[in-house]
N, C-alpha and C. Protein backbone atom coordinates (compact mmCIF):
# COMPACT_ATOMS: atom_id res chain seq x y z
N MET A 1 108.06 96.92 84.66
CA MET A 1 107.88 97.16 86.07
C MET A 1 107.01 96.04 86.64
N ILE A 2 107.45 95.47 87.73
CA ILE A 2 106.68 94.44 88.42
C ILE A 2 105.83 95.15 89.47
N LEU A 3 104.52 94.99 89.36
CA LEU A 3 103.58 95.75 90.17
C LEU A 3 102.93 94.90 91.25
N GLU A 4 102.59 95.56 92.36
CA GLU A 4 101.87 94.92 93.46
C GLU A 4 101.00 95.98 94.11
N THR A 5 99.82 95.59 94.53
CA THR A 5 98.96 96.53 95.25
C THR A 5 99.02 96.22 96.73
N GLY A 6 98.79 97.25 97.52
CA GLY A 6 98.82 97.06 98.96
C GLY A 6 98.11 98.18 99.68
N LYS A 7 98.04 98.06 100.99
CA LYS A 7 97.37 99.06 101.82
C LYS A 7 98.40 99.72 102.73
N VAL A 8 98.35 101.04 102.83
CA VAL A 8 99.26 101.80 103.67
C VAL A 8 98.91 101.53 105.13
N VAL A 9 99.90 101.08 105.92
CA VAL A 9 99.67 100.79 107.33
C VAL A 9 100.36 101.78 108.25
N ALA A 10 101.35 102.53 107.74
CA ALA A 10 102.03 103.54 108.54
C ALA A 10 102.64 104.56 107.59
N VAL A 11 102.65 105.82 108.05
CA VAL A 11 103.20 106.90 107.24
C VAL A 11 104.21 107.67 108.10
N GLY A 12 105.42 107.82 107.58
CA GLY A 12 106.45 108.61 108.24
C GLY A 12 106.72 109.87 107.45
N ASP A 13 107.75 110.60 107.83
CA ASP A 13 108.09 111.82 107.11
C ASP A 13 108.60 111.54 105.70
N HIS A 14 109.42 110.49 105.57
CA HIS A 14 110.04 110.20 104.28
C HIS A 14 109.75 108.80 103.76
N GLU A 15 109.04 108.00 104.54
CA GLU A 15 108.74 106.64 104.10
C GLU A 15 107.31 106.25 104.44
N VAL A 16 106.88 105.21 103.74
CA VAL A 16 105.53 104.67 103.91
C VAL A 16 105.67 103.16 104.06
N TRP A 17 104.94 102.59 105.01
CA TRP A 17 104.90 101.13 105.16
C TRP A 17 103.63 100.63 104.48
N VAL A 18 103.82 99.70 103.55
CA VAL A 18 102.71 99.16 102.76
C VAL A 18 102.60 97.66 103.04
N ARG A 19 101.40 97.20 103.34
CA ARG A 19 101.15 95.77 103.53
C ARG A 19 100.58 95.22 102.24
N THR A 20 101.27 94.24 101.69
CA THR A 20 100.80 93.60 100.48
C THR A 20 100.23 92.25 100.83
N ILE A 21 99.15 91.89 100.19
CA ILE A 21 98.51 90.59 100.39
C ILE A 21 98.86 89.72 99.19
N ARG A 22 99.56 88.64 99.46
CA ARG A 22 99.94 87.74 98.37
C ARG A 22 98.78 86.83 98.00
N GLU A 23 98.51 86.79 96.72
CA GLU A 23 97.47 85.88 96.24
C GLU A 23 98.06 84.48 96.14
N SER A 24 97.35 83.51 96.61
CA SER A 24 97.85 82.15 96.57
C SER A 24 97.43 81.49 95.26
N VAL A 25 98.37 81.41 94.34
CA VAL A 25 98.11 80.76 93.06
C VAL A 25 98.86 79.43 92.98
N CYS A 26 99.44 79.03 94.11
CA CYS A 26 100.26 77.82 94.12
C CYS A 26 99.45 76.57 93.75
N GLN A 27 98.17 76.55 94.07
CA GLN A 27 97.37 75.36 93.81
C GLN A 27 97.21 75.06 92.34
N SER A 28 97.21 76.12 91.51
CA SER A 28 97.00 75.90 90.08
C SER A 28 98.30 75.85 89.29
N CYS A 29 99.43 76.06 89.95
CA CYS A 29 100.72 76.09 89.25
C CYS A 29 101.30 74.69 89.12
N SER A 30 101.87 74.38 87.97
CA SER A 30 102.41 73.05 87.75
C SER A 30 103.77 72.86 88.44
N ALA A 31 104.43 73.95 88.83
CA ALA A 31 105.74 73.86 89.47
C ALA A 31 105.66 74.02 90.98
N ARG A 32 104.53 73.73 91.57
CA ARG A 32 104.34 74.04 92.99
C ARG A 32 105.26 73.25 93.92
N LYS A 33 105.75 72.10 93.50
CA LYS A 33 106.62 71.31 94.38
C LYS A 33 108.02 71.92 94.49
N GLY A 34 108.51 72.55 93.44
CA GLY A 34 109.88 73.05 93.46
C GLY A 34 109.99 74.56 93.38
N CYS A 35 108.99 75.26 93.80
CA CYS A 35 108.97 76.71 93.64
C CYS A 35 109.42 77.41 94.92
N GLY A 36 110.27 78.42 94.77
CA GLY A 36 110.73 79.20 95.91
C GLY A 36 109.64 80.06 96.50
N SER A 37 108.72 80.54 95.69
CA SER A 37 107.63 81.38 96.20
C SER A 37 106.74 80.61 97.16
N ARG A 38 106.49 79.36 96.85
CA ARG A 38 105.67 78.53 97.73
C ARG A 38 106.35 78.37 99.09
N LEU A 39 107.65 78.14 99.07
CA LEU A 39 108.39 77.99 100.32
C LEU A 39 108.38 79.28 101.13
N LEU A 40 108.57 80.42 100.46
CA LEU A 40 108.53 81.70 101.16
C LEU A 40 107.16 81.98 101.75
N ASN A 41 106.11 81.64 101.01
CA ASN A 41 104.76 81.83 101.52
C ASN A 41 104.53 80.99 102.77
N GLN A 42 105.05 79.77 102.78
CA GLN A 42 104.87 78.90 103.94
C GLN A 42 105.63 79.43 105.15
N MET A 43 106.82 79.99 104.92
CA MET A 43 107.63 80.50 106.02
C MET A 43 107.04 81.77 106.61
N SER A 44 106.39 82.59 105.81
CA SER A 44 105.86 83.86 106.31
C SER A 44 104.35 83.84 106.40
N ASP A 45 103.75 82.73 106.59
CA ASP A 45 102.32 82.46 106.73
C ASP A 45 101.54 82.72 105.45
N GLY A 46 102.20 83.18 104.40
CA GLY A 46 101.57 83.34 103.10
C GLY A 46 100.52 84.41 103.02
N ALA A 47 100.29 85.15 104.07
CA ALA A 47 99.19 86.10 104.08
C ALA A 47 99.62 87.49 103.63
N SER A 48 100.59 88.09 104.32
CA SER A 48 100.93 89.47 103.99
C SER A 48 102.39 89.76 104.30
N THR A 49 102.87 90.82 103.70
CA THR A 49 104.23 91.30 103.91
C THR A 49 104.18 92.81 104.01
N GLN A 50 104.98 93.37 104.91
CA GLN A 50 105.07 94.82 105.00
C GLN A 50 106.36 95.28 104.35
N ILE A 51 106.24 96.31 103.50
CA ILE A 51 107.36 96.82 102.73
C ILE A 51 107.50 98.31 103.00
N LYS A 52 108.74 98.74 103.25
CA LYS A 52 109.02 100.16 103.43
C LYS A 52 109.34 100.76 102.06
N VAL A 53 108.62 101.83 101.73
CA VAL A 53 108.75 102.46 100.42
C VAL A 53 108.97 103.96 100.65
N ALA A 54 109.81 104.57 99.82
CA ALA A 54 110.03 106.01 99.91
C ALA A 54 108.73 106.75 99.62
N LYS A 55 108.46 107.77 100.41
CA LYS A 55 107.22 108.56 100.25
C LYS A 55 107.45 109.61 99.17
N THR A 56 106.81 109.42 98.02
CA THR A 56 106.97 110.35 96.91
C THR A 56 105.76 111.26 96.72
N PHE A 57 104.65 110.92 97.37
CA PHE A 57 103.47 111.78 97.36
C PHE A 57 102.66 111.49 98.62
N ASP A 58 101.72 112.35 98.93
CA ASP A 58 100.96 112.22 100.17
C ASP A 58 99.97 111.06 100.12
N VAL A 59 100.06 110.23 101.13
CA VAL A 59 99.11 109.13 101.32
C VAL A 59 98.76 109.08 102.80
N ASP A 60 97.64 108.47 103.11
CA ASP A 60 97.19 108.32 104.48
C ASP A 60 97.08 106.84 104.82
N VAL A 61 97.10 106.54 106.10
CA VAL A 61 96.92 105.16 106.55
C VAL A 61 95.57 104.66 106.05
N GLY A 62 95.56 103.49 105.47
CA GLY A 62 94.34 102.90 104.93
C GLY A 62 94.19 103.06 103.43
N ASP A 63 94.98 103.95 102.82
CA ASP A 63 94.91 104.13 101.37
C ASP A 63 95.44 102.89 100.65
N GLU A 64 94.81 102.57 99.55
CA GLU A 64 95.29 101.47 98.72
C GLU A 64 96.21 102.07 97.66
N VAL A 65 97.42 101.51 97.54
CA VAL A 65 98.42 102.06 96.64
C VAL A 65 99.01 100.95 95.77
N GLU A 66 99.66 101.38 94.72
CA GLU A 66 100.37 100.46 93.84
C GLU A 66 101.86 100.73 93.98
N ILE A 67 102.63 99.68 94.22
CA ILE A 67 104.07 99.80 94.31
C ILE A 67 104.69 98.95 93.21
N GLY A 68 105.93 99.25 92.86
CA GLY A 68 106.56 98.50 91.79
C GLY A 68 108.06 98.47 91.92
N VAL A 69 108.67 97.47 91.31
CA VAL A 69 110.11 97.31 91.24
C VAL A 69 110.47 97.16 89.77
N ALA A 70 111.54 97.81 89.35
CA ALA A 70 111.98 97.71 87.96
C ALA A 70 112.40 96.27 87.65
N GLU A 71 111.97 95.78 86.51
CA GLU A 71 112.28 94.40 86.13
C GLU A 71 113.78 94.17 85.99
N GLN A 72 114.48 95.15 85.42
CA GLN A 72 115.92 95.01 85.22
C GLN A 72 116.65 94.94 86.56
N ALA A 73 116.20 95.71 87.54
CA ALA A 73 116.82 95.68 88.86
C ALA A 73 116.61 94.31 89.50
N LEU A 74 115.42 93.75 89.38
CA LEU A 74 115.15 92.43 89.94
C LEU A 74 115.98 91.35 89.24
N LEU A 75 116.11 91.46 87.93
CA LEU A 75 116.91 90.51 87.18
C LEU A 75 118.38 90.60 87.58
N ASN A 76 118.91 91.83 87.67
CA ASN A 76 120.31 92.00 88.06
C ASN A 76 120.57 91.46 89.47
N ALA A 77 119.67 91.75 90.40
CA ALA A 77 119.84 91.27 91.77
C ALA A 77 119.77 89.74 91.81
N SER A 78 118.87 89.15 91.05
CA SER A 78 118.76 87.69 91.02
C SER A 78 120.01 87.05 90.45
N LEU A 79 120.54 87.62 89.38
CA LEU A 79 121.77 87.09 88.80
C LEU A 79 122.93 87.21 89.78
N LEU A 80 123.00 88.32 90.48
CA LEU A 80 124.07 88.51 91.45
C LEU A 80 123.99 87.47 92.57
N VAL A 81 122.81 87.30 93.12
CA VAL A 81 122.65 86.40 94.27
C VAL A 81 122.87 84.94 93.88
N TYR A 82 122.41 84.54 92.72
CA TYR A 82 122.51 83.13 92.34
C TYR A 82 123.82 82.79 91.63
N LEU A 83 124.28 83.65 90.73
CA LEU A 83 125.43 83.28 89.90
C LEU A 83 126.78 83.57 90.54
N ALA A 84 126.93 84.65 91.27
CA ALA A 84 128.25 85.00 91.81
C ALA A 84 128.81 83.89 92.71
N PRO A 85 128.07 83.36 93.66
CA PRO A 85 128.64 82.26 94.47
C PRO A 85 128.95 81.00 93.65
N LEU A 86 128.09 80.69 92.69
CA LEU A 86 128.34 79.49 91.88
C LEU A 86 129.58 79.64 91.01
N ILE A 87 129.75 80.82 90.42
CA ILE A 87 130.93 81.05 89.58
C ILE A 87 132.20 81.00 90.42
N ALA A 88 132.18 81.62 91.61
CA ALA A 88 133.34 81.57 92.50
C ALA A 88 133.66 80.14 92.90
N MET A 89 132.62 79.34 93.17
CA MET A 89 132.83 77.95 93.55
C MET A 89 133.48 77.17 92.40
N ILE A 90 132.97 77.35 91.20
CA ILE A 90 133.50 76.62 90.05
C ILE A 90 134.93 77.03 89.75
N ILE A 91 135.22 78.32 89.84
CA ILE A 91 136.57 78.80 89.55
C ILE A 91 137.57 78.25 90.56
N LEU A 92 137.26 78.35 91.85
CA LEU A 92 138.21 77.85 92.86
C LEU A 92 138.38 76.33 92.78
N ALA A 93 137.30 75.61 92.55
CA ALA A 93 137.42 74.16 92.42
C ALA A 93 138.22 73.79 91.17
N GLY A 94 137.97 74.50 90.08
CA GLY A 94 138.69 74.22 88.84
C GLY A 94 140.17 74.52 88.95
N VAL A 95 140.50 75.65 89.56
CA VAL A 95 141.91 76.02 89.73
C VAL A 95 142.61 75.01 90.65
N SER A 96 141.96 74.62 91.72
CA SER A 96 142.60 73.68 92.65
C SER A 96 142.80 72.31 92.02
N GLN A 97 141.95 71.93 91.09
CA GLN A 97 142.09 70.62 90.47
C GLN A 97 143.07 70.66 89.30
N SER A 98 142.90 71.62 88.40
CA SER A 98 143.70 71.58 87.17
C SER A 98 145.08 72.21 87.34
N LEU A 99 145.21 73.26 88.10
CA LEU A 99 146.52 73.90 88.24
C LEU A 99 147.30 73.41 89.45
N LEU A 100 146.62 73.16 90.54
CA LEU A 100 147.31 72.77 91.78
C LEU A 100 147.33 71.26 91.99
N HIS A 101 146.51 70.51 91.21
CA HIS A 101 146.44 69.05 91.27
C HIS A 101 146.15 68.54 92.68
N TRP A 102 145.21 69.18 93.34
CA TRP A 102 144.82 68.77 94.68
C TRP A 102 143.97 67.50 94.60
N PRO A 103 143.94 66.72 95.68
CA PRO A 103 143.06 65.54 95.70
C PRO A 103 141.59 65.98 95.78
N ASP A 104 140.71 65.02 95.63
CA ASP A 104 139.27 65.33 95.58
C ASP A 104 138.78 66.08 96.81
N LEU A 105 139.24 65.71 97.97
CA LEU A 105 138.80 66.40 99.18
C LEU A 105 139.23 67.87 99.15
N GLY A 106 140.44 68.12 98.69
CA GLY A 106 140.93 69.50 98.58
C GLY A 106 140.13 70.30 97.58
N VAL A 107 139.77 69.67 96.47
CA VAL A 107 138.96 70.34 95.46
C VAL A 107 137.58 70.68 96.02
N ALA A 108 137.00 69.74 96.76
CA ALA A 108 135.68 69.98 97.37
C ALA A 108 135.76 71.12 98.38
N LEU A 109 136.80 71.15 99.19
CA LEU A 109 136.96 72.22 100.17
C LEU A 109 137.22 73.56 99.49
N ALA A 110 137.98 73.54 98.40
CA ALA A 110 138.21 74.77 97.65
C ALA A 110 136.91 75.27 97.03
N GLY A 111 136.10 74.35 96.54
CA GLY A 111 134.80 74.74 95.99
C GLY A 111 133.90 75.35 97.05
N LEU A 112 133.86 74.76 98.22
CA LEU A 112 133.07 75.31 99.32
C LEU A 112 133.60 76.67 99.76
N SER A 113 134.93 76.81 99.76
CA SER A 113 135.52 78.11 100.08
C SER A 113 135.13 79.16 99.04
N GLY A 114 135.13 78.76 97.78
CA GLY A 114 134.71 79.67 96.72
C GLY A 114 133.25 80.07 96.87
N LEU A 115 132.41 79.12 97.26
CA LEU A 115 131.01 79.43 97.50
C LEU A 115 130.86 80.46 98.62
N GLY A 116 131.61 80.24 99.70
CA GLY A 116 131.58 81.19 100.81
C GLY A 116 132.09 82.57 100.40
N LEU A 117 133.18 82.60 99.64
CA LEU A 117 133.71 83.89 99.15
C LEU A 117 132.72 84.57 98.22
N GLY A 118 132.00 83.79 97.44
CA GLY A 118 130.97 84.35 96.57
C GLY A 118 129.86 85.01 97.37
N PHE A 119 129.46 84.37 98.48
CA PHE A 119 128.44 84.97 99.34
C PHE A 119 128.93 86.25 99.99
N VAL A 120 130.21 86.27 100.39
CA VAL A 120 130.79 87.50 100.96
C VAL A 120 130.80 88.60 99.90
N PHE A 121 131.17 88.26 98.68
CA PHE A 121 131.16 89.23 97.58
C PHE A 121 129.75 89.78 97.36
N VAL A 122 128.75 88.92 97.38
CA VAL A 122 127.36 89.35 97.22
C VAL A 122 126.96 90.29 98.35
N LYS A 123 127.35 89.97 99.56
CA LYS A 123 127.01 90.82 100.71
C LYS A 123 127.63 92.21 100.57
N ILE A 124 128.88 92.28 100.17
CA ILE A 124 129.56 93.57 100.01
C ILE A 124 128.92 94.36 98.88
N LEU A 125 128.70 93.72 97.75
CA LEU A 125 128.12 94.42 96.60
C LEU A 125 126.67 94.82 96.85
N SER A 126 125.92 93.99 97.56
CA SER A 126 124.52 94.33 97.81
C SER A 126 124.40 95.52 98.76
N SER A 127 125.34 95.66 99.69
CA SER A 127 125.30 96.83 100.57
C SER A 127 125.59 98.10 99.78
N ARG A 128 126.40 98.00 98.75
CA ARG A 128 126.66 99.17 97.89
C ARG A 128 125.46 99.45 96.98
N LEU A 129 124.82 98.40 96.50
CA LEU A 129 123.67 98.59 95.62
C LEU A 129 122.44 99.07 96.37
N SER A 130 122.41 98.87 97.69
CA SER A 130 121.25 99.30 98.46
C SER A 130 121.10 100.82 98.46
N CYS A 131 122.15 101.54 98.12
CA CYS A 131 122.07 103.00 98.02
C CYS A 131 121.44 103.43 96.70
N ASN A 132 121.35 102.52 95.75
CA ASN A 132 120.79 102.83 94.44
C ASN A 132 119.27 102.74 94.50
N PRO A 133 118.55 103.85 94.27
CA PRO A 133 117.09 103.83 94.41
C PRO A 133 116.38 102.92 93.41
N SER A 134 117.02 102.55 92.31
CA SER A 134 116.34 101.68 91.35
C SER A 134 116.18 100.25 91.88
N TYR A 135 116.89 99.90 92.94
CA TYR A 135 116.78 98.57 93.54
C TYR A 135 115.77 98.52 94.67
N HIS A 136 115.06 99.62 94.91
CA HIS A 136 114.05 99.69 95.96
C HIS A 136 112.66 99.74 95.34
N PRO A 137 111.66 99.21 96.04
CA PRO A 137 110.29 99.38 95.55
C PRO A 137 109.92 100.86 95.54
N GLN A 138 109.10 101.23 94.58
CA GLN A 138 108.69 102.62 94.42
C GLN A 138 107.18 102.73 94.59
N LEU A 139 106.76 103.81 95.23
CA LEU A 139 105.35 104.12 95.37
C LEU A 139 104.90 104.75 94.05
N LEU A 140 103.99 104.08 93.34
CA LEU A 140 103.64 104.53 91.99
C LEU A 140 102.39 105.40 91.95
N ARG A 141 101.32 104.93 92.57
CA ARG A 141 100.09 105.71 92.53
C ARG A 141 99.12 105.26 93.60
N LYS A 142 98.20 106.16 93.92
CA LYS A 142 97.15 105.85 94.87
C LYS A 142 95.95 105.33 94.10
N LEU A 143 95.41 104.22 94.55
CA LEU A 143 94.25 103.64 93.89
C LEU A 143 92.98 104.17 94.54
N CYS A 144 91.89 104.14 93.80
CA CYS A 144 90.62 104.63 94.33
C CYS A 144 90.01 103.71 95.34
């Protein structure tokens, strides 16, 4: 389970909004130039993020809580987002070159079309997976 602590900023009947403060460890990391986390921190001011979590026990605004996401769910989602478009691109480019004998421009366009189709596939599958609670952050416990 990948864990994060945060502070409850809003409480609804069935959900809780939690603000997480990201620790900036980019300065000490050797991969800081090519890291996606650094880019995301820069785009969202690097300070905090609000996450909607299902309310599984009573909490109040201002409570410090621990939330978590299953590691397997994060791995599966990452593989889906990164690999599906690339595989579709490679398959369409390969088929257009080896079976259809298209020129280079046609192969490149087929590859781009495959990439686009891969993104559409990810969008459709992710909307179906969003109903699965294991792909959502979970409210684990209230901290003292």
